[in-house]
Amino acid sequence: MKAGDHIGFVCGRDDAFTRVKRVARYASFEEMLDVEGAANVNPDSPREQQLANIRRIYGPEKEALDVLAVEIELLQPATA
C-alpha cells in the first residue's frame, strides 16, 4: 500500500471510496500513537483506551510485524 492507492470500504449497504494520502510504519502501537497523536487516530477515545482496544484486536505477534498508520481522504461520500 502506498500514497495514491485507492481503497473501497463496504459495511452492509454503506460504502466509501478513498485515496491513500500517506502510509507510515512504526515498530509498535505505542510509537504509532505517540507520533501520529491519539486524537488524530481516534478523537473520541483516550490514548490508553485506544492502545487497549488495538491490542485486543491485534495480538503481540501482529504488532511484532510492524504497525502501519494509513492516512486516507474520502473521494466519494458514503451511501446508504
N, C-alpha and C. Protein backbone atom coordinates (compact mmCIF):
# COMPACT_ATOMS: atom_id res chain seq x y z
N MET A 1 0.84 -1.16 0.00
CA MET A 1 0.00 0.00 0.00
C MET A 1 0.90 1.24 0.00
N LYS A 2 0.50 2.21 -0.82
CA LYS A 2 1.30 3.43 -0.94
C LYS A 2 0.39 4.61 -1.26
N ALA A 3 0.94 5.79 -1.09
CA ALA A 3 0.19 7.01 -1.41
C ALA A 3 -0.31 6.94 -2.85
N GLY A 4 -1.54 7.33 -3.05
CA GLY A 4 -2.15 7.32 -4.38
C GLY A 4 -3.03 6.10 -4.61
N ASP A 5 -2.83 5.03 -3.84
CA ASP A 5 -3.68 3.85 -3.97
C ASP A 5 -5.11 4.20 -3.56
N HIS A 6 -6.07 3.44 -4.05
CA HIS A 6 -7.47 3.62 -3.70
C HIS A 6 -7.94 2.44 -2.87
N ILE A 7 -8.82 2.74 -1.90
CA ILE A 7 -9.40 1.70 -1.05
C ILE A 7 -10.90 1.93 -1.02
N GLY A 8 -11.65 0.87 -1.23
CA GLY A 8 -13.10 0.92 -1.08
C GLY A 8 -13.49 0.24 0.22
N PHE A 9 -14.37 0.86 0.98
CA PHE A 9 -14.87 0.31 2.22
C PHE A 9 -16.35 0.01 2.05
N VAL A 10 -16.77 -1.18 2.50
CA VAL A 10 -18.17 -1.56 2.43
C VAL A 10 -18.57 -2.11 3.79
N CYS A 11 -19.68 -1.61 4.31
CA CYS A 11 -20.23 -2.09 5.57
C CYS A 11 -21.74 -2.19 5.38
N GLY A 12 -22.22 -3.40 5.20
CA GLY A 12 -23.65 -3.58 4.91
C GLY A 12 -23.97 -2.92 3.58
N ARG A 13 -24.89 -1.96 3.62
CA ARG A 13 -25.25 -1.24 2.39
C ARG A 13 -24.52 0.07 2.24
N ASP A 14 -23.66 0.42 3.21
CA ASP A 14 -22.88 1.65 3.15
C ASP A 14 -21.54 1.38 2.49
N ASP A 15 -21.07 2.35 1.73
CA ASP A 15 -19.74 2.21 1.14
C ASP A 15 -19.08 3.58 1.02
N ALA A 16 -17.77 3.54 0.87
CA ALA A 16 -17.00 4.78 0.70
C ALA A 16 -15.77 4.44 -0.14
N PHE A 17 -15.37 5.37 -0.98
CA PHE A 17 -14.19 5.21 -1.83
C PHE A 17 -13.17 6.24 -1.39
N THR A 18 -11.95 5.79 -1.12
CA THR A 18 -10.93 6.67 -0.57
C THR A 18 -9.63 6.58 -1.36
N ARG A 19 -8.77 7.56 -1.10
CA ARG A 19 -7.42 7.58 -1.66
C ARG A 19 -6.44 7.62 -0.51
N VAL A 20 -5.39 6.81 -0.58
CA VAL A 20 -4.34 6.80 0.44
C VAL A 20 -3.49 8.06 0.26
N LYS A 21 -3.40 8.85 1.31
CA LYS A 21 -2.58 10.06 1.27
C LYS A 21 -1.17 9.77 1.75
N ARG A 22 -1.05 8.88 2.76
CA ARG A 22 0.25 8.64 3.37
C ARG A 22 0.21 7.32 4.12
N VAL A 23 1.34 6.61 4.11
CA VAL A 23 1.50 5.39 4.90
C VAL A 23 2.77 5.55 5.72
N ALA A 24 2.67 5.34 7.02
CA ALA A 24 3.83 5.42 7.91
C ALA A 24 3.97 4.10 8.65
N ARG A 25 5.21 3.67 8.84
CA ARG A 25 5.50 2.39 9.51
C ARG A 25 6.12 2.67 10.88
N TYR A 26 5.64 1.93 11.87
CA TYR A 26 6.13 2.07 13.23
C TYR A 26 6.47 0.70 13.81
N ALA A 27 7.32 0.70 14.84
CA ALA A 27 7.75 -0.54 15.48
C ALA A 27 6.72 -1.05 16.48
N SER A 28 5.81 -0.18 16.94
CA SER A 28 4.82 -0.60 17.94
C SER A 28 3.59 0.29 17.86
N PHE A 29 2.51 -0.18 18.49
CA PHE A 29 1.30 0.63 18.57
C PHE A 29 1.54 1.88 19.41
N GLU A 30 2.33 1.74 20.47
CA GLU A 30 2.64 2.90 21.31
C GLU A 30 3.37 3.98 20.51
N GLU A 31 4.35 3.57 19.72
CA GLU A 31 5.09 4.53 18.90
C GLU A 31 4.16 5.22 17.91
N MET A 32 3.28 4.43 17.30
CA MET A 32 2.34 5.00 16.33
C MET A 32 1.45 6.05 16.99
N LEU A 33 0.91 5.74 18.17
CA LEU A 33 0.05 6.71 18.86
C LEU A 33 0.83 7.94 19.30
N ASP A 34 2.07 7.75 19.73
CA ASP A 34 2.89 8.89 20.15
C ASP A 34 3.20 9.83 18.99
N VAL A 35 3.56 9.26 17.85
CA VAL A 35 3.96 10.08 16.70
C VAL A 35 2.74 10.66 15.98
N GLU A 36 1.74 9.84 15.73
CA GLU A 36 0.54 10.28 15.00
C GLU A 36 -0.35 11.16 15.87
N GLY A 37 -0.32 10.95 17.18
CA GLY A 37 -1.20 11.66 18.09
C GLY A 37 -2.50 10.91 18.25
N ALA A 38 -2.81 10.53 19.48
CA ALA A 38 -4.02 9.73 19.72
C ALA A 38 -5.28 10.43 19.21
N ALA A 39 -5.34 11.74 19.32
CA ALA A 39 -6.51 12.48 18.85
C ALA A 39 -6.67 12.39 17.33
N ASN A 40 -5.57 12.19 16.61
CA ASN A 40 -5.65 12.03 15.15
C ASN A 40 -6.07 10.61 14.76
N VAL A 41 -5.81 9.67 15.64
CA VAL A 41 -6.20 8.28 15.37
C VAL A 41 -7.68 8.09 15.70
N ASN A 42 -8.08 8.56 16.88
CA ASN A 42 -9.48 8.47 17.29
C ASN A 42 -9.76 9.59 18.30
N PRO A 43 -10.34 10.69 17.86
CA PRO A 43 -10.54 11.83 18.76
C PRO A 43 -11.52 11.57 19.89
N ASP A 44 -12.29 10.47 19.82
CA ASP A 44 -13.31 10.19 20.83
C ASP A 44 -12.84 9.23 21.92
N SER A 45 -11.57 8.83 21.88
CA SER A 45 -11.09 7.83 22.84
C SER A 45 -9.72 8.23 23.37
N PRO A 46 -9.51 8.14 24.68
CA PRO A 46 -8.19 8.47 25.24
C PRO A 46 -7.12 7.48 24.76
N ARG A 47 -5.88 7.92 24.78
CA ARG A 47 -4.76 7.13 24.27
C ARG A 47 -4.71 5.73 24.87
N GLU A 48 -4.80 5.61 26.18
CA GLU A 48 -4.68 4.30 26.82
C GLU A 48 -5.82 3.37 26.42
N GLN A 49 -7.01 3.92 26.23
CA GLN A 49 -8.14 3.10 25.77
C GLN A 49 -7.91 2.65 24.33
N GLN A 50 -7.40 3.54 23.49
CA GLN A 50 -7.09 3.15 22.11
C GLN A 50 -6.07 2.03 22.09
N LEU A 51 -5.02 2.16 22.90
CA LEU A 51 -3.98 1.15 22.95
C LEU A 51 -4.57 -0.20 23.39
N ALA A 52 -5.40 -0.19 24.41
CA ALA A 52 -6.04 -1.43 24.88
C ALA A 52 -6.92 -2.03 23.79
N ASN A 53 -7.70 -1.20 23.10
CA ASN A 53 -8.58 -1.70 22.04
C ASN A 53 -7.79 -2.29 20.89
N ILE A 54 -6.74 -1.60 20.46
CA ILE A 54 -5.92 -2.10 19.35
C ILE A 54 -5.29 -3.42 19.72
N ARG A 55 -4.76 -3.52 20.93
CA ARG A 55 -4.09 -4.75 21.36
C ARG A 55 -5.08 -5.89 21.57
N ARG A 56 -6.33 -5.59 21.84
CA ARG A 56 -7.35 -6.63 21.95
C ARG A 56 -7.63 -7.23 20.57
N ILE A 57 -7.56 -6.41 19.54
CA ILE A 57 -7.81 -6.87 18.17
C ILE A 57 -6.57 -7.52 17.57
N TYR A 58 -5.42 -6.89 17.74
CA TYR A 58 -4.17 -7.36 17.15
C TYR A 58 -3.22 -7.79 18.26
N GLY A 59 -2.96 -9.08 18.34
CA GLY A 59 -2.08 -9.61 19.37
C GLY A 59 -0.63 -9.24 19.16
N PRO A 60 0.23 -9.61 20.12
CA PRO A 60 1.65 -9.24 20.05
C PRO A 60 2.35 -9.80 18.81
N GLU A 61 1.90 -10.93 18.30
CA GLU A 61 2.52 -11.49 17.09
C GLU A 61 2.27 -10.60 15.88
N LYS A 62 1.14 -9.92 15.83
CA LYS A 62 0.85 -8.98 14.74
C LYS A 62 1.65 -7.69 14.91
N GLU A 63 1.70 -7.17 16.13
CA GLU A 63 2.45 -5.95 16.40
C GLU A 63 3.93 -6.14 16.08
N ALA A 64 4.43 -7.34 16.30
CA ALA A 64 5.85 -7.63 16.03
C ALA A 64 6.19 -7.52 14.55
N LEU A 65 5.17 -7.56 13.69
CA LEU A 65 5.38 -7.44 12.24
C LEU A 65 5.51 -5.99 11.79
N ASP A 66 5.39 -5.05 12.69
CA ASP A 66 5.37 -3.61 12.47
C ASP A 66 3.93 -3.12 12.40
N VAL A 67 3.77 -1.84 12.54
CA VAL A 67 2.47 -1.20 12.58
C VAL A 67 2.42 -0.16 11.47
N LEU A 68 1.33 -0.17 10.71
CA LEU A 68 1.13 0.83 9.67
C LEU A 68 0.05 1.81 10.08
N ALA A 69 0.31 3.08 9.88
CA ALA A 69 -0.71 4.12 10.01
C ALA A 69 -1.00 4.59 8.59
N VAL A 70 -2.26 4.54 8.21
CA VAL A 70 -2.65 4.89 6.84
C VAL A 70 -3.58 6.10 6.90
N GLU A 71 -3.13 7.20 6.30
CA GLU A 71 -3.97 8.39 6.21
C GLU A 71 -4.72 8.34 4.89
N ILE A 72 -6.04 8.50 4.95
CA ILE A 72 -6.86 8.43 3.75
C ILE A 72 -7.70 9.69 3.61
N GLU A 73 -8.17 9.93 2.39
CA GLU A 73 -9.14 11.00 2.17
C GLU A 73 -10.33 10.42 1.44
N LEU A 74 -11.48 10.88 1.81
CA LEU A 74 -12.73 10.43 1.21
C LEU A 74 -12.89 11.01 -0.17
N LEU A 75 -13.08 10.16 -1.16
CA LEU A 75 -13.30 10.62 -2.53
C LEU A 75 -14.77 10.60 -2.90
N GLN A 76 -15.50 9.68 -2.29
CA GLN A 76 -16.92 9.53 -2.59
C GLN A 76 -17.65 9.43 -1.28
N PRO A 77 -18.59 10.29 -1.00
CA PRO A 77 -19.32 10.19 0.27
C PRO A 77 -19.98 8.82 0.44
N ALA A 78 -20.06 8.38 1.68
CA ALA A 78 -20.73 7.10 1.97
C ALA A 78 -22.17 7.17 1.51
N THR A 79 -22.67 6.05 1.05
CA THR A 79 -24.08 5.98 0.60
C THR A 79 -24.81 5.00 1.49
N ALA A 80 -26.08 5.19 1.62
CA ALA A 80 -26.91 4.29 2.46
C ALA A 80 -27.72 3.36 1.59
